[in-house]
PDB file of N, CA and C in Angstrom:
ATOM      1  N   MET A   1     -86.078  74.561 -44.961  1.00  0.00           N
ATOM      2  CA  MET A   1     -85.754  73.380 -45.460  1.00  0.00           C
ATOM      3  C   MET A   1     -85.329  73.484 -46.882  1.00  0.00           C
ATOM      4  N   THR A   2     -84.552  72.093 -46.694  1.00  0.00           N
ATOM      5  CA  THR A   2     -83.451  72.232 -47.886  1.00  0.00           C
ATOM      6  C   THR A   2     -83.520  70.640 -48.639  1.00  0.00           C
ATOM      7  N   GLN A   3     -83.534  70.501 -49.531  1.00  0.00           N
ATOM      8  CA  GLN A   3     -83.795  69.073 -50.422  1.00  0.00           C
ATOM      9  C   GLN A   3     -82.581  69.018 -51.128  1.00  0.00           C
ATOM     10  N   TRP A   4     -81.834  67.887 -50.843  1.00  0.00           N
ATOM     11  CA  TRP A   4     -80.790  67.794 -51.705  1.00  0.00           C
ATOM     12  C   TRP A   4     -80.932  66.408 -52.748  1.00  0.00           C
ATOM     13  N   VAL A   5     -80.463  66.830 -54.020  1.00  0.00           N
ATOM     14  CA  VAL A   5     -80.970  66.057 -55.262  1.00  0.00           C
ATOM     15  C   VAL A   5     -79.503  65.800 -56.188  1.00  0.00           C
ATOM     16  N   GLU A   6     -79.186  64.531 -56.456  1.00  0.00           N
ATOM     17  CA  GLU A   6     -78.125  64.552 -57.213  1.00  0.00           C
ATOM     18  C   GLU A   6     -78.517  63.322 -58.496  1.00  0.00           C
ATOM     19  N   ARG A   7     -78.490  64.029 -59.509  1.00  0.00           N
ATOM     20  CA  ARG A   7     -78.769  63.202 -60.671  1.00  0.00           C
ATOM     21  C   ARG A   7     -78.066  62.322 -61.098  1.00  0.00           C
ATOM     22  N   LEU A   8     -78.061  61.282 -61.525  1.00  0.00           N
ATOM     23  CA  LEU A   8     -77.294  59.945 -61.415  1.00  0.00           C
ATOM     24  C   LEU A   8     -77.263  59.246 -63.098  1.00  0.00           C
ATOM     25  N   ALA A   9     -78.123  59.815 -64.082  1.00  0.00           N
ATOM     26  CA  ALA A   9     -78.440  59.384 -65.118  1.00  0.00           C
ATOM     27  C   ALA A   9     -77.098  58.976 -66.163  1.00  0.00           C
ATOM     28  N   GLY A  10     -77.052  57.840 -66.688  1.00  0.00           N
ATOM     29  CA  GLY A  10     -75.814  57.891 -67.705  1.00  0.00           C
ATOM     30  C   GLY A  10     -74.581  57.550 -67.028  1.00  0.00           C
ATOM     31  N   VAL A  11     -74.378  57.298 -65.771  1.00  0.00           N
ATOM     32  CA  VAL A  11     -73.074  56.913 -65.111  1.00  0.00           C
ATOM     33  C   VAL A  11     -73.437  55.643 -64.668  1.00  0.00           C
ATOM     34  N   SER A  12     -72.030  54.793 -64.477  1.00  0.00           N
ATOM     35  CA  SER A  12     -72.054  53.471 -64.442  1.00  0.00           C
ATOM     36  C   SER A  12     -72.453  53.292 -62.721  1.00  0.00           C
ATOM     37  N   HIS A  13     -72.600  51.966 -62.495  1.00  0.00           N
ATOM     38  CA  HIS A  13     -72.702  51.616 -61.271  1.00  0.00           C
ATOM     39  C   HIS A  13     -71.846  51.955 -60.169  1.00  0.00           C
ATOM     40  N   ARG A  14     -70.592  51.773 -60.672  1.00  0.00           N
ATOM     41  CA  ARG A  14     -69.575  52.215 -59.955  1.00  0.00           C
ATOM     42  C   ARG A  14     -69.431  53.346 -59.390  1.00  0.00           C
ATOM     43  N   GLU A  15     -69.519  54.169 -60.685  1.00  0.00           N
ATOM     44  CA  GLU A  15     -69.356  55.630 -60.208  1.00  0.00           C
ATOM     45  C   GLU A  15     -70.496  55.967 -59.383  1.00  0.00           C
ATOM     46  N   ALA A  16     -71.672  55.654 -59.537  1.00  0.00           N
ATOM     47  CA  ALA A  16     -72.862  56.012 -58.794  1.00  0.00           C
ATOM     48  C   ALA A  16     -73.026  55.701 -57.271  1.00  0.00           C
ATOM     49  N   CYS A  17     -72.090  54.431 -57.092  1.00  0.00           N
ATOM     50  CA  CYS A  17     -71.612  54.343 -55.784  1.00  0.00           C
ATOM     51  C   CYS A  17     -70.930  55.359 -55.005  1.00  0.00           C
ATOM     52  N   GLU A  18     -69.808  55.586 -55.950  1.00  0.00           N
ATOM     53  CA  GLU A  18     -68.901  56.614 -55.386  1.00  0.00           C
ATOM     54  C   GLU A  18     -69.427  57.968 -55.265  1.00  0.00           C
ATOM     55  N   ARG A  19     -70.265  58.307 -56.062  1.00  0.00           N
ATOM     56  CA  ARG A  19     -70.827  59.598 -56.011  1.00  0.00           C
ATOM     57  C   ARG A  19     -71.946  59.509 -54.789  1.00  0.00           C
ATOM     58  N   ALA A  20     -72.317  58.578 -54.466  1.00  0.00           N
ATOM     59  CA  ALA A  20     -73.587  58.312 -53.422  1.00  0.00           C
ATOM     60  C   ALA A  20     -72.913  58.539 -52.067  1.00  0.00           C
ATOM     61  N   LYS A  21     -71.385  58.145 -52.020  1.00  0.00           N
ATOM     62  CA  LYS A  21     -70.844  58.229 -50.559  1.00  0.00           C
ATOM     63  C   LYS A  21     -70.400  59.598 -50.647  1.00  0.00           C
ATOM     64  N   THR A  22     -69.675  60.365 -51.391  1.00  0.00           N
ATOM     65  CA  THR A  22     -69.489  61.673 -51.415  1.00  0.00           C
ATOM     66  C   THR A  22     -70.763  62.418 -51.070  1.00  0.00           C
ATOM     67  N   PHE A  23     -71.754  62.110 -51.792  1.00  0.00           N
ATOM     68  CA  PHE A  23     -73.069  62.691 -51.742  1.00  0.00           C
ATOM     69  C   PHE A  23     -73.619  62.894 -50.214  1.00  0.00           C
ATOM     70  N   GLY A  24     -73.373  61.801 -49.503  1.00  0.00           N
ATOM     71  CA  GLY A  24     -73.560  61.628 -48.230  1.00  0.00           C
ATOM     72  C   GLY A  24     -72.734  62.274 -47.084  1.00  0.00           C
ATOM     73  N   ILE A  25     -71.513  62.135 -47.509  1.00  0.00           N
ATOM     74  CA  ILE A  25     -70.497  62.874 -46.801  1.00  0.00           C
ATOM     75  C   ILE A  25     -70.999  64.470 -46.755  1.00  0.00           C
ATOM     76  N   ARG A  26     -71.204  65.029 -47.720  1.00  0.00           N
ATOM     77  CA  ARG A  26     -71.404  66.364 -47.814  1.00  0.00           C
ATOM     78  C   ARG A  26     -73.029  67.032 -47.234  1.00  0.00           C
ATOM     79  N   THR A  27     -73.681  66.003 -47.517  1.00  0.00           N
ATOM     80  CA  THR A  27     -74.916  66.314 -46.957  1.00  0.00           C
ATOM     81  C   THR A  27     -74.924  66.417 -45.532  1.00  0.00           C
ATOM     82  N   ASP A  28     -74.222  65.210 -44.961  1.00  0.00           N
ATOM     83  CA  ASP A  28     -73.800  65.146 -43.527  1.00  0.00           C
ATOM     84  C   ASP A  28     -73.459  66.583 -43.131  1.00  0.00           C
ATOM     85  N   ALA A  29     -72.302  66.605 -43.487  1.00  0.00           N
ATOM     86  CA  ALA A  29     -71.383  67.959 -43.176  1.00  0.00           C
ATOM     87  C   ALA A  29     -72.480  69.394 -43.312  1.00  0.00           C
ATOM     88  N   GLU A  30     -73.313  69.375 -44.337  1.00  0.00           N
ATOM     89  CA  GLU A  30     -74.155  70.589 -44.220  1.00  0.00           C
ATOM     90  C   GLU A  30     -75.128  70.859 -43.035  1.00  0.00           C
ATOM     91  N   ILE A  31     -75.683  69.101 -42.709  1.00  0.00           N
ATOM     92  CA  ILE A  31     -76.486  69.116 -41.712  1.00  0.00           C
ATOM     93  C   ILE A  31     -75.818  69.575 -40.259  1.00  0.00           C
ATOM     94  N   LYS A  32     -74.635  69.153 -40.258  1.00  0.00           N
ATOM     95  CA  LYS A  32     -74.095  69.601 -38.695  1.00  0.00           C
ATOM     96  C   LYS A  32     -73.725  70.936 -38.843  1.00  0.00           C
ATOM     97  N   ARG A  33     -73.542  71.792 -39.796  1.00  0.00           N
ATOM     98  CA  ARG A  33     -73.449  73.046 -39.911  1.00  0.00           C
ATOM     99  C   ARG A  33     -74.537  73.719 -39.550  1.00  0.00           C
ATOM    100  N   TYR A  34     -75.853  73.290 -40.309  1.00  0.00           N
ATOM    101  CA  TYR A  34     -77.012  74.012 -39.759  1.00  0.00           C
ATOM    102  C   TYR A  34     -77.291  73.698 -38.263  1.00  0.00           C
ATOM    103  N   GLU A  35     -77.044  72.558 -37.830  1.00  0.00           N
ATOM    104  CA  GLU A  35     -77.344  72.206 -36.441  1.00  0.00           C
ATOM    105  C   GLU A  35     -76.675  73.130 -35.514  1.00  0.00           C
ATOM    106  N   GLY A  36     -75.154  73.177 -35.673  1.00  0.00           N
ATOM    107  CA  GLY A  36     -74.298  74.244 -35.116  1.00  0.00           C
ATOM    108  C   GLY A  36     -75.026  75.569 -35.176  1.00  0.00           C
ATOM    109  N   GLN A  37     -75.084  76.159 -36.433  1.00  0.00           N
ATOM    110  CA  GLN A  37     -76.006  77.333 -36.470  1.00  0.00           C
ATOM    111  C   GLN A  37     -77.034  77.550 -35.349  1.00  0.00           C
ATOM    112  N   LEU A  38     -77.933  76.519 -35.177  1.00  0.00           N
ATOM    113  CA  LEU A  38     -79.160  76.202 -34.394  1.00  0.00           C
ATOM    114  C   LEU A  38     -79.028  76.341 -32.846  1.00  0.00           C
ATOM    115  N   SER A  39     -77.795  75.480 -32.676  1.00  0.00           N
ATOM    116  CA  SER A  39     -77.560  75.734 -31.353  1.00  0.00           C
ATOM    117  C   SER A  39     -76.716  77.004 -30.593  1.00  0.00           C
ATOM    118  N   ARG A  40     -76.294  77.591 -31.359  1.00  0.00           N
ATOM    119  CA  ARG A  40     -75.587  78.749 -31.447  1.00  0.00           C
ATOM    120  C   ARG A  40     -76.513  79.742 -31.181  1.00  0.00           C
ATOM    121  N   THR A  41     -77.803  79.700 -31.806  1.00  0.00           N
ATOM    122  CA  THR A  41     -78.754  80.557 -31.717  1.00  0.00           C
ATOM    123  C   THR A  41     -79.566  80.694 -30.632  1.00  0.00           C
ATOM    124  N   ARG A  42     -79.723  79.463 -30.283  1.00  0.00           N
ATOM    125  CA  ARG A  42     -80.469  79.023 -28.932  1.00  0.00           C
ATOM    126  C   ARG A  42     -79.801  79.465 -27.890  1.00  0.00           C
ATOM    127  N   VAL A  43     -78.542  79.356 -27.680  1.00  0.00           N
ATOM    128  CA  VAL A  43     -77.724  79.875 -26.549  1.00  0.00           C
ATOM    129  C   VAL A  43     -77.598  81.284 -26.632  1.00  0.00           C
ATOM    130  N   SER A  44     -77.431  81.904 -27.867  1.00  0.00           N
ATOM    131  CA  SER A  44     -77.628  83.596 -27.662  1.00  0.00           C
ATOM    132  C   SER A  44     -78.256  84.177 -27.621  1.00  0.00           C
ATOM    133  N   SER A  45     -79.803  83.578 -27.748  1.00  0.00           N
ATOM    134  CA  SER A  45     -81.061  84.365 -27.567  1.00  0.00           C
ATOM    135  C   SER A  45     -81.343  84.835 -25.791  1.00  0.00           C
ATOM    136  N   PRO A  46     -81.568  86.184 -26.002  1.00  0.00           N
ATOM    137  CA  PRO A  46     -81.838  86.998 -24.974  1.00  0.00           C
ATOM    138  C   PRO A  46     -82.758  86.059 -23.600  1.00  0.00           C
ATOM    139  N   PRO A  47     -82.634  86.016 -22.518  1.00  0.00           N
ATOM    140  CA  PRO A  47     -83.756  85.292 -21.503  1.00  0.00           C
ATOM    141  C   PRO A  47     -85.035  86.188 -21.818  1.00  0.00           C
ATOM    142  N   PRO A  48     -85.974  85.493 -21.335  1.00  0.00           N
ATOM    143  CA  PRO A  48     -87.233  86.106 -21.544  1.00  0.00           C
ATOM    144  C   PRO A  48     -87.335  87.679 -20.505  1.00  0.00           C
ATOM    145  N   LYS A  49     -88.175  88.238 -20.712  1.00  0.00           N
ATOM    146  CA  LYS A  49     -88.405  89.536 -20.118  1.00  0.00           C
ATOM    147  C   LYS A  49     -89.044  89.299 -18.759  1.00  0.00           C
ATOM    148  N   GLN A  50     -88.583  89.991 -17.644  1.00  0.00           N
ATOM    149  CA  GLN A  50     -89.403  89.866 -16.408  1.00  0.00           C
ATOM    150  C   GLN A  50     -90.566  90.657 -16.452  1.00  0.00           C
ATOM    151  N   ASN A  51     -91.874  90.125 -16.276  1.00  0.00           N
ATOM    152  CA  ASN A  51     -92.942  91.058 -16.019  1.00  0.00           C
ATOM    153  C   ASN A  51     -93.065  92.014 -14.516  1.00  0.00           C
ATOM    154  N   ALA A  52     -92.530  91.161 -13.675  1.00  0.00           N
ATOM    155  CA  ALA A  52     -92.302  91.617 -12.438  1.00  0.00           C
ATOM    156  C   ALA A  52     -91.407  90.827 -11.525  1.00  0.00           C
ATOM    157  N   PRO A  53     -90.824  91.448 -10.606  1.00  0.00           N
ATOM    158  CA  PRO A  53     -89.798  90.797  -9.953  1.00  0.00           C
ATOM    159  C   PRO A  53     -89.992  89.365  -9.642  1.00  0.00           C
ATOM    160  N   GLY A  54     -88.889  88.447  -9.876  1.00  0.00           N
ATOM    161  CA  GLY A  54     -89.503  86.947  -9.683  1.00  0.00           C
ATOM    162  C   GLY A  54     -90.753  86.319 -10.555  1.00  0.00           C
ATOM    163  N   PHE A  55     -90.980  86.970 -11.650  1.00  0.00           N
ATOM    164  CA  PHE A  55     -92.424  86.536 -12.155  1.00  0.00           C
ATOM    165  C   PHE A  55     -92.193  86.624 -13.705  1.00  0.00           C
ATOM    166  N   THR A  56     -92.033  85.497 -14.535  1.00  0.00           N
ATOM    167  CA  THR A  56     -92.318  85.458 -15.971  1.00  0.00           C
ATOM    168  C   THR A  56     -93.300  85.060 -16.548  1.00  0.00           C
ATOM    169  N   LEU A  57     -93.987  85.909 -17.397  1.00  0.00           N
ATOM    170  CA  LEU A  57     -95.313  85.398 -18.220  1.00  0.00           C
ATOM    171  C   LEU A  57     -94.557  84.703 -19.518  1.00  0.00           C
ATOM    172  N   GLU A  58     -95.267  83.489 -19.933  1.00  0.00           N
ATOM    173  CA  GLU A  58     -94.801  82.927 -20.705  1.00  0.00           C
ATOM    174  C   GLU A  58     -96.349  82.240 -21.299  1.00  0.00           C
ATOM    175  N   LEU A  59     -96.962  82.721 -22.679  1.00  0.00           N
ATOM    176  CA  LEU A  59     -98.001  82.278 -22.866  1.00  0.00           C
ATOM    177  C   LEU A  59     -97.516  81.774 -24.398  1.00  0.00           C
ATOM    178  N   THR A  60     -98.651  80.659 -24.691  1.00  0.00           N
ATOM    179  CA  THR A  60     -98.885  79.926 -25.956  1.00  0.00           C
ATOM    180  C   THR A  60     -99.083  80.848 -26.878  1.00  0.00           C
ATOM    181  N   ASP A  61     -99.298  80.466 -28.198  1.00  0.00           N
ATOM    182  CA  ASP A  61     -99.913  81.225 -29.218  1.00  0.00           C
ATOM    183  C   ASP A  61    -101.415  81.232 -29.004  1.00  0.00           C
ATOM    184  N   HIS A  62    -102.018  79.963 -28.516  1.00  0.00           N
ATOM    185  CA  HIS A  62    -103.434  79.557 -28.473  1.00  0.00           C
ATOM    186  C   HIS A  62    -103.894  80.431 -27.118  1.00  0.00           C
ATOM    187  N   GLU A  63    -103.132  80.507 -26.141  1.00  0.00           N
ATOM    188  CA  GLU A  63    -103.695  81.306 -25.101  1.00  0.00           C
ATOM    189  C   GLU A  63    -103.733  82.766 -25.300  1.00  0.00           C
ATOM    190  N   ILE A  64    -102.556  83.301 -26.221  1.00  0.00           N
ATOM    191  CA  ILE A  64    -102.885  84.726 -26.553  1.00  0.00           C
ATOM    192  C   ILE A  64    -103.791  84.826 -27.508  1.00  0.00           C
ATOM    193  N   ASP A  65    -104.150  84.082 -28.228  1.00  0.00           N
ATOM    194  CA  ASP A  65    -105.606  83.996 -28.846  1.00  0.00           C
ATOM    195  C   ASP A  65    -106.858  84.123 -28.307  1.00  0.00           C
ATOM    196  N   GLN A  66    -106.786  83.043 -27.330  1.00  0.00           N
ATOM    197  CA  GLN A  66    -107.929  83.021 -26.495  1.00  0.00           C
ATOM    198  C   GLN A  66    -108.167  84.527 -25.679  1.00  0.00           C
ATOM    199  N   ILE A  67    -107.249  85.093 -25.170  1.00  0.00           N
ATOM    200  CA  ILE A  67    -107.205  86.265 -24.292  1.00  0.00           C
ATOM    201  C   ILE A  67    -107.830  87.497 -25.307  1.00  0.00           C
ATOM    202  N   ALA A  68    -107.455  87.576 -26.556  1.00  0.00           N
ATOM    203  CA  ALA A  68    -107.824  88.555 -27.577  1.00  0.00           C
ATOM    204  C   ALA A  68    -109.190  88.237 -27.823  1.00  0.00           C
ATOM    205  N   ILE A  69    -109.722  87.088 -27.843  1.00  0.00           N
ATOM    206  CA  ILE A  69    -111.007  86.640 -28.322  1.00  0.00           C
ATOM    207  C   ILE A  69    -112.180  87.043 -27.288  1.00  0.00           C
ATOM    208  N   ALA A  70    -111.562  86.859 -25.883  1.00  0.00           N
ATOM    209  CA  ALA A  70    -112.110  87.027 -24.936  1.00  0.00           C
ATOM    210  C   ALA A  70    -112.420  88.601 -24.858  1.00  0.00           C
ATOM    211  N   TYR A  71    -110.992  89.458 -24.833  1.00  0.00           N
ATOM    212  CA  TYR A  71    -111.268  91.078 -24.891  1.00  0.00           C
ATOM    213  C   TYR A  71    -112.365  91.475 -25.635  1.00  0.00           C
ATOM    214  N   PHE A  72    -112.074  91.015 -27.030  1.00  0.00           N
ATOM    215  CA  PHE A  72    -113.065  91.861 -28.034  1.00  0.00           C
ATOM    216  C   PHE A  72    -114.763  91.345 -27.967  1.00  0.00           C
ATOM    217  N   HIS A  73    -115.059  90.034 -27.115  1.00  0.00           N
ATOM    218  CA  HIS A  73    -115.951  89.781 -27.125  1.00  0.00           C
ATOM    219  C   HIS A  73    -116.579  90.636 -25.779  1.00  0.00           C
ATOM    220  N   GLU A  74    -115.954  90.797 -24.803  1.00  0.00           N
ATOM    221  CA  GLU A  74    -116.554  91.761 -23.719  1.00  0.00           C
ATOM    222  C   GLU A  74    -116.545  93.250 -24.413  1.00  0.00           C
ATOM    223  N   LEU A  75    -115.717  93.706 -25.156  1.00  0.00           N
ATOM    224  CA  LEU A  75    -115.774  94.921 -26.012  1.00  0.00           C
ATOM    225  C   LEU A  75    -117.268  94.664 -26.691  1.00  0.00           C
ATOM    226  N   GLU A  76    -117.421  94.072 -27.370  1.00  0.00           N
ATOM    227  CA  GLU A  76    -118.778  93.745 -28.363  1.00  0.00           C
ATOM    228  C   GLU A  76    -119.947  93.874 -27.604  1.00  0.00           C
ATOM    229  N   LYS A  77    -119.748  93.127 -26.114  1.00  0.00           N
ATOM    230  CA  LYS A  77    -120.884  92.916 -25.441  1.00  0.00           C
ATOM    231  C   LYS A  77    -121.246  94.489 -24.871  1.00  0.00           C
ATOM    232  N   GLY A  78    -120.150  95.298 -24.363  1.00  0.00           N
ATOM    233  CA  GLY A  78    -120.503  96.507 -24.119  1.00  0.00           C
ATOM    234  C   GLY A  78    -121.137  97.624 -25.241  1.00  0.00           C
ATOM    235  N   VAL A  79    -121.009  97.369 -26.365  1.00  0.00           N
ATOM    236  CA  VAL A  79    -121.151  97.907 -27.476  1.00  0.00           C
ATOM    237  C   VAL A  79    -122.863  97.724 -27.544  1.00  0.00           C
ATOM    238  N   GLN A  80    -123.032  96.391 -27.482  1.00  0.00           N
ATOM    239  CA  GLN A  80    -124.358  96.111 -27.839  1.00  0.00           C
ATOM    240  C   GLN A  80    -125.399  96.388 -26.712  1.00  0.00           C
ATOM    241  N   SER A  81    -124.555  96.249 -25.342  1.00  0.00           N
ATOM    242  CA  SER A  81    -125.713  96.774 -24.287  1.00  0.00           C
ATOM    243  C   SER A  81    -125.882  98.300 -24.049  1.00  0.00           C
ATOM    244  N   SER A  82    -125.068  98.826 -24.845  1.00  0.00           N
ATOM    245  CA  SER A  82    -125.244 100.674 -24.862  1.00  0.00           C
ATOM    246  C   SER A  82    -125.925 101.230 -26.185  1.00  0.00           C
ATOM    247  N   GLY A  83    -126.480 100.230 -27.175  1.00  0.00           N
ATOM    248  CA  GLY A  83    -127.571 100.507 -28.001  1.00  0.00           C
ATOM    249  C   GLY A  83    -126.722 100.003 -29.468  1.00  0.00           C
ATOM    250  N   GLY A  84    -125.712  99.635 -29.371  1.00  0.00           N
ATOM    251  CA  GLY A  84    -125.018  99.072 -30.579  1.00  0.00           C
ATOM    252  C   GLY A  84    -124.085 100.538 -31.281  1.00  0.00           C
ATOM    253  N   TYR A  85    -124.105  99.942 -32.641  1.00  0.00           N
ATOM    254  CA  TYR A  85    -123.024 100.711 -33.085  1.00  0.00           C
ATOM    255  C   TYR A  85    -123.712 102.480 -33.930  1.00  0.00           C
ATOM    256  N   THR A  86    -125.433 102.077 -33.650  1.00  0.00           N
ATOM    257  CA  THR A  86    -126.067 103.319 -34.477  1.00  0.00           C
ATOM    258  C   THR A  86    -126.047 104.649 -33.227  1.00  0.00           C
TER     259      THR A  86
END
């Protein structure tokens, strides 16, 4: 994230208006440059790995968390049923 700020204290109204125009042009150009970088990154990213022929597994972070919680919960139940950690 970037924040653009230009201080205009002590300048005339006319000069402030001119500087505001050039400031807008500069920031628009920089935004377009970043958007171009972002679109090139999206295009050049590798395709997702195939888990099996014709099958791609894509999970959200929440789904991954839920799988991990379920795994460790089952692991803990196994430990408890065998007498605990002692």
